[in-house]
Protein backbone atom coordinates (compact mmCIF):
# COMPACT_ATOMS: atom_id res chain seq x y z
CA MET A 1 -3.23 -28.49 -50.16
CA PHE A 2 -1.09 -25.48 -51.03
CA ASN A 3 1.70 -26.29 -53.49
CA PRO A 4 3.67 -23.03 -53.68
CA LYS A 5 5.88 -21.94 -56.58
CA ARG A 6 8.51 -20.80 -54.09
CA VAL A 7 9.20 -21.28 -50.38
CA LEU A 8 10.98 -18.56 -48.40
CA ILE A 9 12.40 -19.69 -45.05
CA GLU A 10 13.60 -17.25 -42.42
CA LYS A 11 16.94 -18.28 -40.95
CA GLU A 12 15.60 -18.16 -37.38
CA ALA A 13 12.85 -20.62 -38.31
CA LEU A 14 15.49 -23.32 -38.74
CA THR A 15 16.20 -23.20 -34.99
CA TYR A 16 12.77 -24.72 -34.35
CA PRO A 17 11.97 -28.41 -35.00
CA LEU A 18 9.03 -27.56 -37.26
CA GLY A 19 11.16 -25.10 -39.23
CA GLN A 20 13.83 -27.74 -39.84
CA GLU A 21 11.14 -30.29 -40.72
CA LEU A 22 9.53 -27.98 -43.27
CA TYR A 23 12.93 -27.08 -44.76
CA GLU A 24 13.70 -30.76 -45.32
CA TYR A 25 10.19 -31.46 -46.61
CA PHE A 26 10.24 -28.79 -49.31
CA THR A 27 13.90 -29.36 -50.20
CA ASN A 28 13.42 -33.10 -50.65
CA LYS A 29 10.40 -32.48 -52.86
CA LYS A 30 12.47 -30.16 -55.07
CA TYR A 31 10.54 -26.97 -54.38
CA ASN A 32 12.20 -23.64 -55.09
CA VAL A 33 13.48 -22.99 -51.54
CA ILE A 34 15.07 -19.64 -50.68
CA LEU A 35 16.76 -19.04 -47.31
CA LEU A 36 16.31 -15.55 -45.83
CA GLU A 37 18.75 -13.92 -43.45
CA SER A 38 15.92 -11.99 -41.75
CA ASN A 39 12.12 -11.72 -41.82
CA ARG A 40 12.27 -9.39 -44.83
CA THR A 41 10.97 -11.25 -47.86
CA LYS A 42 12.97 -11.31 -51.09
CA GLY A 43 12.70 -13.20 -54.35
CA ILE A 44 9.04 -12.63 -55.25
CA PRO A 45 8.89 -11.40 -58.88
CA GLY A 46 6.43 -9.03 -60.55
CA ASP A 47 6.52 -5.61 -62.19
CA THR A 48 2.88 -4.59 -61.74
CA LYS A 49 0.52 -4.71 -58.75
CA GLU A 50 -1.43 -7.48 -60.50
CA GLU A 51 1.69 -9.57 -61.18
CA LYS A 52 3.05 -9.07 -57.67
CA TYR A 53 -0.30 -10.13 -56.22
CA LYS A 54 -0.44 -13.35 -58.24
CA GLN A 55 3.19 -14.23 -57.52
CA GLY A 56 2.71 -13.42 -53.84
CA LYS A 57 -0.29 -15.74 -53.71
CA SER A 58 1.98 -18.50 -55.03
CA THR A 59 4.56 -17.97 -52.28
CA LEU A 60 4.88 -19.64 -48.87
CA VAL A 61 6.92 -17.94 -46.15
CA ILE A 62 8.06 -19.95 -43.13
CA GLY A 63 8.91 -17.81 -40.13
CA VAL A 64 8.75 -17.17 -36.40
CA LYS A 65 5.91 -15.25 -34.78
CA LYS A 66 7.79 -12.59 -32.83
CA SER A 67 4.99 -10.68 -31.12
CA LEU A 68 2.91 -12.86 -28.85
CA LYS A 69 0.50 -10.13 -27.93
CA PHE A 70 -2.76 -11.38 -29.46
CA GLN A 71 -5.12 -8.97 -31.17
CA THR A 72 -8.73 -8.81 -30.02
CA CYS A 73 -11.36 -10.34 -32.27
CA LYS A 74 -14.72 -8.89 -31.29
CA PRO A 75 -17.55 -9.70 -31.52
CA SER A 76 -17.00 -13.31 -32.60
CA ALA A 77 -14.14 -14.18 -30.22
CA HIS A 78 -11.99 -12.72 -27.50
CA TYR A 79 -8.65 -13.06 -29.28
CA GLN A 80 -7.10 -13.87 -32.64
CA LEU A 81 -4.87 -16.95 -32.61
CA PRO A 82 -2.04 -16.26 -35.09
CA LEU A 83 -1.18 -19.66 -36.55
CA VAL A 84 -1.01 -18.48 -40.17
CA THR A 85 -1.20 -15.15 -41.98
CA GLY A 86 -2.59 -14.92 -45.50
CA CYS A 87 -4.67 -17.18 -47.73
CA ILE A 88 -4.02 -18.97 -51.02
CA GLY A 89 -7.48 -18.08 -52.34
CA GLN A 90 -7.79 -15.13 -54.72
CA CYS A 91 -11.18 -13.76 -53.75
CA GLU A 92 -11.62 -10.34 -55.33
CA TYR A 93 -13.61 -8.83 -52.46
CA CYS A 94 -11.45 -10.16 -49.60
CA TYR A 95 -10.44 -7.66 -46.89
CA LEU A 96 -7.00 -9.27 -46.81
CA ASN A 97 -6.30 -7.63 -50.18
CA THR A 98 -6.22 -4.36 -48.27
CA GLN A 99 -4.90 -5.58 -44.93
CA LEU A 100 -1.90 -7.44 -46.37
CA GLY A 101 -1.32 -4.96 -49.21
CA ASP A 102 1.91 -5.81 -51.03
CA LYS A 103 2.42 -8.90 -48.86
CA PRO A 104 -0.34 -11.26 -50.05
CA TYR A 105 1.73 -14.40 -49.47
CA THR A 106 0.89 -17.07 -46.93
CA ARG A 107 3.14 -17.04 -43.85
CA VAL A 108 3.21 -19.98 -41.44
CA TYR A 109 4.75 -19.84 -37.98
CA VAL A 110 7.00 -22.57 -36.61
CA ASN A 111 6.84 -21.60 -32.93
CA ILE A 112 3.36 -23.05 -32.47
CA GLU A 113 4.11 -24.27 -28.94
CA GLU A 114 5.00 -20.73 -27.86
CA ILE A 115 1.81 -19.40 -29.43
CA LEU A 116 -0.28 -21.98 -27.58
CA GLU A 117 1.54 -21.25 -24.32
CA GLN A 118 0.52 -17.61 -24.73
CA ALA A 119 -3.07 -18.70 -25.37
CA LYS A 120 -2.91 -20.64 -22.10
CA ARG A 121 -1.87 -17.46 -20.28
CA TYR A 122 -4.80 -15.55 -21.75
CA ILE A 123 -7.18 -18.32 -20.64
CA GLU A 124 -5.78 -18.25 -17.10
CA GLN A 125 -6.14 -14.46 -16.89
CA ARG A 126 -9.90 -14.81 -17.34
CA GLU A 127 -10.03 -17.47 -14.60
CA ASP A 128 -13.39 -19.28 -14.67
CA GLU A 129 -14.72 -17.58 -17.81
CA VAL A 130 -14.60 -19.30 -21.20
CA THR A 131 -12.13 -17.63 -23.58
CA ILE A 132 -12.67 -17.99 -27.33
CA PHE A 133 -9.89 -17.79 -29.93
CA GLU A 134 -10.35 -17.24 -33.68
CA GLY A 135 -7.81 -19.02 -35.87
CA ALA A 136 -8.71 -17.48 -39.23
CA ALA A 137 -9.01 -13.75 -38.58
CA THR A 138 -6.24 -12.97 -41.08
CA SER A 139 -5.86 -16.30 -42.84
CA ASP A 140 -7.26 -19.60 -44.01
CA PRO A 141 -5.08 -22.15 -42.17
CA LEU A 142 -6.47 -25.32 -43.78
CA PRO A 143 -4.52 -25.39 -47.10
CA VAL A 144 -1.15 -25.66 -45.28
CA GLU A 145 -2.31 -28.11 -42.60
CA SER A 146 -0.97 -31.26 -44.27
CA TYR A 147 2.62 -30.18 -43.58
CA THR A 148 2.36 -27.71 -40.67
CA HIS A 149 -0.12 -29.73 -38.55
CA ALA A 150 -0.81 -26.43 -36.75
CA LEU A 151 -4.55 -26.98 -36.59
CA LYS A 152 -4.16 -30.51 -35.26
CA LYS A 153 -1.88 -29.33 -32.44
CA THR A 154 -4.18 -26.42 -31.67
CA ILE A 155 -7.35 -28.51 -31.67
CA GLU A 156 -5.71 -31.06 -29.34
CA PHE A 157 -4.59 -28.23 -27.06
CA PHE A 158 -8.07 -26.74 -26.76
CA GLY A 159 -9.60 -30.19 -26.36
CA LYS A 160 -7.82 -30.34 -22.99
CA GLU A 161 -8.71 -26.79 -21.92
CA LYS A 162 -11.78 -26.54 -19.70
CA ASN A 163 -12.24 -22.83 -20.34
CA GLY A 164 -10.67 -22.50 -23.78
CA ARG A 165 -12.50 -22.67 -27.12
CA PHE A 166 -11.18 -22.48 -30.66
CA ARG A 167 -12.87 -21.66 -33.96
CA PHE A 168 -11.75 -21.08 -37.51
CA VAL A 169 -13.37 -20.57 -40.89
CA THR A 170 -12.30 -21.97 -44.26
CA LYS A 171 -13.25 -22.11 -47.93
CA PHE A 172 -11.17 -25.23 -48.48
CA ASN A 173 -11.98 -28.92 -48.28
CA ASN A 174 -8.82 -30.83 -47.30
CA VAL A 175 -10.16 -31.69 -43.84
CA GLU A 176 -8.80 -35.25 -43.58
CA ASP A 177 -5.92 -34.22 -41.31
CA ILE A 178 -8.24 -32.98 -38.57
CA LEU A 179 -10.96 -35.64 -38.62
CA ASP A 180 -9.34 -37.99 -36.10
CA VAL A 181 -8.17 -35.31 -33.68
CA ASN A 182 -9.38 -35.43 -30.06
CA HIS A 183 -11.28 -32.12 -30.11
CA ASN A 184 -13.67 -32.78 -27.20
CA GLY A 185 -16.22 -30.49 -28.88
CA HIS A 186 -14.10 -27.42 -28.05
CA THR A 187 -13.35 -26.47 -31.67
CA THR A 188 -15.94 -25.13 -34.10
CA VAL A 189 -15.17 -25.42 -37.80
CA ARG A 190 -17.02 -22.94 -40.03
CA PHE A 191 -17.25 -23.04 -43.80
CA SER A 192 -17.63 -19.95 -45.94
CA ILE A 193 -20.14 -20.66 -48.70
CA ASN A 194 -21.76 -18.77 -51.54
CA THR A 195 -23.72 -19.35 -54.70
CA ASP A 196 -22.03 -20.98 -57.69
CA ARG A 197 -22.29 -17.70 -59.57
CA ILE A 198 -20.39 -15.76 -56.91
CA ILE A 199 -17.76 -18.48 -56.43
CA LYS A 200 -17.04 -18.69 -60.16
CA SER A 201 -17.03 -14.91 -60.61
CA TYR A 202 -15.08 -13.75 -57.56
CA GLU A 203 -13.66 -16.59 -55.45
CA HIS A 204 -10.77 -17.67 -57.65
CA LYS A 205 -8.57 -20.65 -56.75
CA THR A 206 -11.06 -21.98 -54.20
CA PRO A 207 -13.09 -25.24 -54.11
CA SER A 208 -16.66 -25.39 -55.39
CA PHE A 209 -19.72 -25.07 -53.17
CA ASN A 210 -20.31 -28.84 -53.38
CA LYS A 211 -16.76 -29.66 -52.23
CA ARG A 212 -17.07 -27.29 -49.26
CA ILE A 213 -20.39 -28.84 -48.24
CA GLU A 214 -18.98 -32.36 -48.54
CA ALA A 215 -16.06 -31.34 -46.30
CA ALA A 216 -18.47 -29.85 -43.77
CA TYR A 217 -20.38 -33.14 -43.69
CA LYS A 218 -17.17 -35.03 -42.89
CA VAL A 219 -16.29 -32.60 -40.12
CA LEU A 220 -19.78 -32.82 -38.58
CA ASN A 221 -19.60 -36.62 -38.65
CA ALA A 222 -16.28 -36.37 -36.80
CA GLY A 223 -18.22 -34.77 -33.93
CA TYR A 224 -17.22 -31.15 -34.39
CA PRO A 225 -19.71 -28.33 -33.97
CA ILE A 226 -19.83 -26.65 -37.39
CA GLY A 227 -21.06 -23.38 -38.84
CA PHE A 228 -21.70 -21.78 -42.19
CA ILE A 229 -20.84 -18.22 -43.10
CA ILE A 230 -22.89 -17.11 -46.10
CA ALA A 231 -20.79 -14.20 -47.27
CA PRO A 232 -20.60 -11.86 -48.87
CA VAL A 233 -24.22 -11.69 -49.99
CA PHE A 234 -24.71 -9.80 -53.26
CA PHE A 235 -27.90 -8.46 -54.78
CA TYR A 236 -28.21 -9.48 -58.42
CA ASP A 237 -30.83 -10.92 -60.76
CA GLN A 238 -32.08 -14.20 -59.30
CA TRP A 239 -30.21 -13.68 -56.01
CA LYS A 240 -33.14 -14.93 -53.95
CA ASN A 241 -33.57 -18.05 -56.07
CA GLU A 242 -29.89 -18.90 -55.96
CA TYR A 243 -29.39 -18.28 -52.22
CA SER A 244 -32.58 -20.21 -51.53
CA MET A 245 -31.19 -23.11 -53.57
CA LEU A 246 -27.91 -22.89 -51.64
CA ILE A 247 -29.72 -23.22 -48.31
CA LYS A 248 -31.89 -26.11 -49.53
CA GLU A 249 -28.91 -28.00 -50.97
CA THR A 250 -27.10 -27.58 -47.67
CA LYS A 251 -30.12 -28.82 -45.74
CA ASN A 252 -30.49 -31.92 -47.93
CA LEU A 253 -27.04 -33.18 -46.98
CA PHE A 254 -27.37 -32.84 -43.21
CA PRO A 255 -29.71 -35.03 -41.14
CA VAL A 256 -32.25 -33.07 -39.10
CA ASP A 257 -31.05 -34.64 -35.85
CA LYS A 258 -27.66 -32.94 -36.34
CA HIS A 259 -28.97 -29.45 -37.06
CA GLU A 260 -28.49 -28.33 -33.46
CA LYS A 261 -24.72 -28.48 -34.03
CA ILE A 262 -24.91 -26.01 -36.92
CA THR A 263 -24.73 -22.21 -36.73
CA PHE A 264 -25.19 -19.57 -39.43
CA GLU A 265 -23.64 -16.15 -39.98
CA VAL A 266 -24.82 -14.02 -42.90
CA ILE A 267 -22.83 -10.98 -44.06
CA SER A 268 -23.76 -8.61 -46.89
CA HIS A 269 -21.15 -7.23 -49.27
CA ARG A 270 -19.48 -4.00 -48.20
CA TYR A 271 -16.28 -2.21 -49.13
CA THR A 272 -14.11 0.77 -48.23
CA THR A 273 -12.60 3.29 -50.64
CA LYS A 274 -9.15 1.90 -49.83
CA ALA A 275 -10.33 -1.63 -50.59
CA LYS A 276 -11.95 -0.54 -53.85
CA ASN A 277 -8.73 1.10 -55.02
CA ARG A 278 -6.67 -1.95 -54.10
CA ILE A 279 -9.10 -4.34 -55.81
CA ASN A 280 -8.99 -2.31 -59.03
CA GLU A 281 -5.19 -2.50 -58.98
CA VAL A 282 -4.89 -6.27 -58.62
CA PHE A 283 -8.09 -7.17 -60.48
CA PRO A 284 -8.29 -4.55 -63.25
CA LYS A 285 -11.13 -6.43 -65.00
CA THR A 286 -13.24 -6.90 -61.87
CA THR A 287 -17.02 -6.75 -62.14
CA LEU A 288 -17.57 -6.38 -58.40
CA PRO A 289 -20.51 -4.02 -57.75
CA MET A 290 -18.69 -1.05 -56.23
CA ASN A 291 -20.64 1.96 -57.44
CA ASP A 292 -20.59 4.39 -54.51
CA ILE A 293 -23.77 6.11 -55.69
CA GLU A 294 -25.73 2.88 -55.29
CA ARG A 295 -24.59 2.35 -51.71
CA THR A 296 -24.95 3.98 -48.30
CA PHE A 297 -21.83 5.29 -46.58
CA LYS A 298 -21.60 4.13 -42.99
CA TYR A 299 -18.99 4.36 -40.24
CA GLY A 300 -18.10 0.98 -38.74
CA GLN A 301 -17.17 0.00 -35.18
CA PHE A 302 -13.45 0.47 -35.94
CA GLY A 303 -13.85 4.10 -36.98
CA TYR A 304 -13.48 3.88 -40.75
CA GLY A 305 -16.22 4.36 -43.32
CA LYS A 306 -17.56 1.71 -45.67
CA TYR A 307 -20.15 1.44 -48.41
CA VAL A 308 -23.05 -0.88 -47.60
CA TYR A 309 -26.37 -1.72 -49.17
CA ASN A 310 -29.15 0.74 -48.36
CA LYS A 311 -31.63 0.36 -45.52
CA ASP A 312 -34.45 -1.14 -47.58
CA GLU A 313 -32.15 -3.66 -49.25
CA MET A 314 -30.74 -4.72 -45.89
CA LYS A 315 -34.22 -5.14 -44.46
CA GLU A 316 -35.19 -7.30 -47.43
CA MET A 317 -32.04 -9.40 -47.06
CA LYS A 318 -32.51 -9.96 -43.34
CA THR A 319 -36.14 -10.99 -43.78
CA PHE A 320 -35.27 -13.36 -46.62
CA PHE A 321 -32.43 -15.18 -44.85
CA LYS A 322 -34.26 -15.38 -41.53
CA GLU A 323 -37.25 -17.03 -43.21
CA GLN A 324 -35.14 -19.37 -45.32
CA LEU A 325 -32.86 -20.51 -42.52
CA GLU A 326 -35.61 -20.93 -39.93
CA SER A 327 -37.77 -22.98 -42.29
CA ASN A 328 -34.92 -25.26 -43.43
CA PHE A 329 -32.84 -25.46 -40.24
CA LYS A 330 -35.39 -25.21 -37.41
CA ASN A 331 -32.97 -26.47 -34.74
CA SER A 332 -29.95 -24.45 -35.81
CA GLU A 333 -28.79 -21.08 -34.51
CA ILE A 334 -28.55 -17.88 -36.54
CA LYS A 335 -25.70 -15.91 -35.00
CA TYR A 336 -26.39 -12.74 -36.97
CA ILE A 337 -27.48 -11.33 -40.33
CA ILE A 338 -25.71 -8.08 -41.16
């Protein structure tokens, strides 16, 4: 659960029941609560980019989602579902470091019913087709769930929708609040996992691999379809041994008869020049492998260039993970390896 150093509440948020509830919750628990006259954040300290980043990551903003025009989320879903923006984790490689820039705080939205009503309209526009919504495109919503209950409301909503499906990904393990929800199999919970070496080196303020796997086991036993995102994959000494161990340890916890409910997505490490510059500002001692000379420059589907591993390395990675996953999870589905 996220225990912020400070809580900023937009004045308009208090006009919603959840906004008032959160105001009373954090006030009664003696948090540092700051009321804002508008949606412009104030009161986050820090003189350097690094300090501002760390203080921002310790800040919770409670506000109203003004724009209800959902962004697309191809290829994994049709639309983003904006329940939360930001993440309390401090992963050095995360694309949110660039996307959120000087606003790395976590922002929760109190007008959840309005957001879900908009999702309903998008579902109805596609008539008899199934419409998929991604709840973690710009966030990890799980750490704030114990007091927002946004995931619970959303999962219950999609459980009643014949042609609506919901999915989100998390690195966190506080799943107890969603285990007893009537999901009707319409929500897929995915867990981002990596080797212990990568988690300890780059995924700061996040649970261990073992805690994530234990949480996934609980979610699967609650009847949810689940998935694992192995990302980002790095090439380093012993990378094959350690990723092989990760897959085997995952397999050992899940009964074979439940493998058909598990999916895998594998994503290699990549970065943009903008991301590299931002990472070096907020993590000046980073050891992330970002030597442009050792990478291949490639234009992505959104028109900007990024540095990826070279063709031979990618071929080796794809072969390795395909063999490992197919031999350990014969009845599971590999969505992609990129």
